[in-house]
Amino acid sequence: MGGCIRAAHVHAANTHDSRGALGLLPHRPWWAARLQTVLTDAAYRGRFADHLRGLGLQHQVASHPPSAALCPSPNAGS
């Protein structure tokens, strides 16, 4: 899975991302069975990090997350 985006959650624009992200992992989908660590930026240190720990996940803050260009496209090479 190498740091690629595997899920997204859309919320109201007047909701801070760290609060809106709480709806992202209420039920761990089939692909998240092996998920252990969630990498975010510093804005997610509070409530979201606590939520992750409550789900038994680790939270890691990265100052410069890997570029999305490193994620292979499903159509790469076609």
Protein backbone atom coordinates (compact mmCIF):
# COMPACT_ATOMS: atom_id res chain seq x y z
CA MET A 1 0.00 0.00 0.00
CA GLY A 2 3.08 2.24 0.26
CA GLY A 3 1.57 5.51 1.53
CA CYS A 4 -1.07 5.88 -1.19
CA ILE A 5 -4.50 7.33 -0.44
CA ARG A 6 -6.86 4.45 0.29
CA ALA A 7 -9.89 6.31 1.64
CA ALA A 8 -11.44 9.76 1.62
CA HIS A 9 -14.20 11.43 3.60
CA VAL A 10 -15.99 14.61 2.48
CA HIS A 11 -17.40 16.91 5.15
CA ALA A 12 -18.79 20.44 5.39
CA ALA A 13 -16.34 23.25 4.62
CA ASN A 14 -16.93 24.82 8.04
CA THR A 15 -15.69 21.66 9.82
CA HIS A 16 -11.96 21.51 10.58
CA ASP A 17 -10.28 18.59 8.82
CA SER A 18 -9.06 17.04 12.08
CA ARG A 19 -12.68 16.84 13.30
CA GLY A 20 -14.16 15.82 9.94
CA ALA A 21 -11.60 13.03 9.61
CA LEU A 22 -13.15 11.25 12.58
CA GLY A 23 -15.72 9.80 10.17
CA LEU A 24 -12.99 8.25 8.05
CA LEU A 25 -12.36 5.10 10.05
CA PRO A 26 -15.48 4.22 12.04
CA HIS A 27 -15.58 0.79 10.43
CA ARG A 28 -12.35 -0.66 9.15
CA PRO A 29 -12.91 -1.83 5.59
CA TRP A 30 -11.50 -5.10 4.30
CA TRP A 31 -8.34 -3.45 2.99
CA ALA A 32 -7.57 -1.94 6.40
CA ALA A 33 -7.37 -5.24 8.27
CA ARG A 34 -3.58 -4.92 8.36
CA LEU A 35 -3.54 -1.14 8.92
CA GLN A 36 -1.31 -0.28 11.87
CA THR A 37 -0.10 3.31 11.38
CA VAL A 38 -1.81 6.40 9.97
CA LEU A 39 0.49 9.13 8.63
CA THR A 40 -0.82 12.72 8.78
CA ASP A 41 0.44 16.27 9.04
CA ALA A 42 0.65 18.14 12.37
CA ALA A 43 -2.95 19.42 12.17
CA TYR A 44 -4.19 15.96 13.20
CA ARG A 45 -2.32 15.65 16.52
CA GLY A 46 -5.25 16.14 18.91
CA ARG A 47 -8.67 14.58 18.71
CA PHE A 48 -7.98 12.56 15.54
CA ALA A 49 -4.79 11.06 16.99
CA ASP A 50 -6.70 10.15 20.17
CA HIS A 51 -9.42 8.55 18.01
CA LEU A 52 -6.82 6.47 16.17
CA ARG A 53 -5.28 5.27 19.44
CA GLY A 54 -8.77 4.31 20.61
CA LEU A 55 -9.05 2.12 17.51
CA GLY A 56 -5.72 0.49 18.35
CA LEU A 57 -3.85 2.33 15.57
CA GLN A 58 -0.61 4.30 15.73
CA HIS A 59 -0.46 7.91 14.59
CA GLN A 60 2.67 9.31 12.98
CA VAL A 61 3.17 12.98 12.06
CA ALA A 62 5.25 13.68 8.97
CA SER A 63 6.59 17.12 8.17
CA HIS A 64 6.71 16.35 4.45
CA PRO A 65 4.50 13.39 3.44
CA PRO A 66 5.63 11.41 0.40
CA SER A 67 4.53 12.76 -2.96
CA ALA A 68 1.35 11.32 -4.42
CA ALA A 69 3.37 10.89 -7.62
CA LEU A 70 5.06 7.92 -5.93
CA CYS A 71 1.76 6.02 -5.86
CA PRO A 72 1.40 3.78 -8.88
CA SER A 73 -1.58 4.55 -11.06
CA PRO A 74 -3.92 1.63 -11.82
CA ASN A 75 -3.45 2.55 -15.50
CA ALA A 76 0.33 2.97 -15.36
CA GLY A 77 2.05 1.51 -18.37
CA SER A 78 -1.10 1.23 -20.48
